[in-house]
Amino acid sequence: MRKALFLISVLAAGPAWAQEPDPANGQVLYSRHCSQCHGPDAKGNGPMAEILAIAPPDLTQLAAHNDGVFPTEAVARQIDGRAPILAHGGEMPVFGPFFGGDDIVVPLPSGQPMMTSLAIADLLAFLESIQTGGKP
């Protein structure tokens, strides 16, 4: 019971070593690892898109397709490989190994904490920052 209360208090207060996700760092990671398929503007029009069997999604519309809420957990799970998706006849490349390192707590829209690497948190912050308004 004491361990559970300690864990709850740490998660509620946030770990002292936690850093804030940086959308600018996320943009650099996006440019390096994602833009070939999703495009420099994240609209699914990258140079590799035309050879894929399944078109890459417009990443600027993720919140619009989710009742206006950026789907933080779902996006993180696709990036790190916990939720494989089909692309070009197989799974999207799993970039989790490229994005390892220091773990931080990222709050989900529900308020629930999610542990992920700082690199993935940076990428999530960038993707959330480019969401366009309105539902599709």
Protein backbone atom coordinates (compact mmCIF):
# COMPACT_ATOMS: atom_id res chain seq x y z
CA MET A 1 0.00 0.00 0.00
CA ARG A 2 2.83 2.42 0.85
CA LYS A 3 4.46 1.78 -2.55
CA ALA A 4 1.19 2.54 -4.34
CA LEU A 5 0.72 5.78 -2.41
CA PHE A 6 4.32 6.78 -3.11
CA LEU A 7 3.89 6.09 -6.84
CA ILE A 8 0.67 8.10 -6.93
CA SER A 9 2.33 11.04 -5.16
CA VAL A 10 5.34 10.94 -7.53
CA LEU A 11 3.13 10.83 -10.60
CA ALA A 12 0.88 13.58 -9.27
CA ALA A 13 3.80 15.86 -8.42
CA GLY A 14 5.83 14.92 -11.47
CA PRO A 15 9.34 13.55 -11.16
CA ALA A 16 12.00 16.09 -10.33
CA TRP A 17 14.04 14.91 -13.32
CA ALA A 18 11.23 15.46 -15.82
CA GLN A 19 11.80 17.87 -18.66
CA GLU A 20 9.22 19.65 -20.71
CA PRO A 21 8.74 18.30 -24.23
CA ASP A 22 10.19 20.63 -26.86
CA PRO A 23 8.23 20.95 -30.14
CA ALA A 24 11.34 22.38 -31.88
CA ASN A 25 13.30 19.21 -31.10
CA GLY A 26 10.27 17.22 -32.23
CA GLN A 27 10.28 19.05 -35.56
CA VAL A 28 13.91 18.04 -36.11
CA LEU A 29 13.04 14.40 -35.35
CA TYR A 30 10.01 14.63 -37.64
CA SER A 31 12.14 15.98 -40.48
CA ARG A 32 14.67 13.18 -40.04
CA HIS A 33 12.37 10.21 -39.53
CA CYS A 34 8.85 11.01 -40.72
CA SER A 35 8.85 13.54 -43.56
CA GLN A 36 9.85 11.07 -46.29
CA CYS A 37 6.41 9.45 -46.04
CA HIS A 38 4.26 12.07 -44.31
CA GLY A 39 5.75 15.06 -46.13
CA PRO A 40 7.54 18.19 -44.96
CA ASP A 41 4.15 19.76 -44.16
CA ALA A 42 2.89 16.51 -42.49
CA LYS A 43 -0.05 16.25 -44.89
CA GLY A 44 0.82 12.75 -46.13
CA ASN A 45 2.51 13.89 -49.32
CA GLY A 46 6.14 12.90 -48.77
CA PRO A 47 8.32 11.69 -51.64
CA MET A 48 7.85 8.04 -50.57
CA ALA A 49 4.04 8.31 -50.33
CA GLU A 50 3.41 7.43 -53.96
CA ILE A 51 5.07 4.01 -53.66
CA LEU A 52 3.19 2.99 -50.51
CA ALA A 53 0.17 0.69 -50.78
CA ILE A 54 -1.57 2.62 -48.00
CA ALA A 55 -1.33 6.40 -48.15
CA PRO A 56 0.28 8.05 -45.11
CA PRO A 57 -2.28 10.06 -43.15
CA ASP A 58 -2.40 13.83 -42.91
CA LEU A 59 -0.84 14.29 -39.47
CA THR A 60 -2.23 17.82 -39.18
CA GLN A 61 -5.74 16.35 -38.91
CA LEU A 62 -5.23 13.85 -36.08
CA ALA A 63 -7.14 15.95 -33.53
CA ALA A 64 -9.85 16.82 -36.05
CA HIS A 65 -10.46 13.11 -36.63
CA ASN A 66 -10.60 12.55 -32.84
CA ASP A 67 -13.35 15.00 -31.80
CA GLY A 68 -10.85 17.85 -31.55
CA VAL A 69 -8.55 16.09 -29.06
CA PHE A 70 -5.01 15.18 -30.04
CA PRO A 71 -4.74 11.37 -29.59
CA THR A 72 -1.50 11.41 -27.61
CA GLU A 73 -1.46 7.77 -26.52
CA ALA A 74 -2.47 6.36 -29.91
CA VAL A 75 0.20 8.38 -31.71
CA ALA A 76 2.89 7.39 -29.19
CA ARG A 77 1.93 3.72 -29.54
CA GLN A 78 2.23 3.92 -33.34
CA ILE A 79 5.60 5.65 -33.20
CA ASP A 80 7.18 3.27 -30.69
CA GLY A 81 5.69 0.13 -32.24
CA ARG A 82 3.27 -0.93 -29.48
CA ALA A 83 0.34 -0.45 -31.89
CA PRO A 84 1.49 -1.55 -35.32
CA ILE A 85 -0.30 -0.11 -38.33
CA LEU A 86 -0.27 -1.26 -41.90
CA ALA A 87 1.72 0.68 -44.44
CA HIS A 88 3.20 -0.40 -47.76
CA GLY A 89 1.88 -3.91 -47.17
CA GLY A 90 3.36 -4.25 -43.67
CA GLU A 91 3.82 -2.39 -40.43
CA MET A 92 4.87 1.22 -40.31
CA PRO A 93 8.60 1.30 -39.58
CA VAL A 94 9.10 1.08 -35.83
CA PHE A 95 11.05 4.11 -34.75
CA GLY A 96 10.97 3.35 -31.03
CA PRO A 97 14.62 2.23 -30.97
CA PHE A 98 15.69 5.57 -32.51
CA PHE A 99 13.75 7.48 -29.89
CA GLY A 100 15.02 5.77 -26.74
CA GLY A 101 16.63 7.58 -23.87
CA ASP A 102 15.40 9.47 -20.85
CA ASP A 103 11.83 8.72 -19.91
CA ILE A 104 9.40 11.43 -18.90
CA VAL A 105 5.77 11.58 -17.87
CA VAL A 106 3.40 12.91 -20.52
CA PRO A 107 -0.18 13.66 -19.46
CA LEU A 108 -2.85 12.13 -21.66
CA PRO A 109 -5.98 14.17 -22.46
CA SER A 110 -7.74 12.24 -19.67
CA GLY A 111 -5.11 13.42 -17.20
CA GLN A 112 -3.68 9.91 -16.87
CA PRO A 113 0.15 9.90 -16.95
CA MET A 114 2.01 8.03 -19.68
CA MET A 115 5.71 7.24 -19.58
CA THR A 116 7.60 7.67 -22.83
CA SER A 117 11.02 8.80 -23.96
CA LEU A 118 11.83 12.48 -24.11
CA ALA A 119 12.37 12.15 -27.88
CA ILE A 120 8.87 10.74 -28.42
CA ALA A 121 7.44 13.39 -26.11
CA ASP A 122 9.18 16.05 -28.24
CA LEU A 123 7.75 14.51 -31.41
CA LEU A 124 4.26 14.37 -29.84
CA ALA A 125 4.56 18.04 -28.83
CA PHE A 126 5.49 18.97 -32.41
CA LEU A 127 2.64 16.97 -33.91
CA GLU A 128 0.17 18.46 -31.45
CA SER A 129 1.42 21.95 -32.33
CA ILE A 130 0.64 21.50 -36.05
CA GLN A 131 -2.96 20.40 -35.64
CA THR A 132 -5.38 22.46 -37.71
CA GLY A 133 -8.73 23.53 -36.37
CA GLY A 134 -12.13 22.17 -37.13
CA LYS A 135 -13.48 18.74 -37.71
CA PRO A 136 -13.01 17.19 -41.14
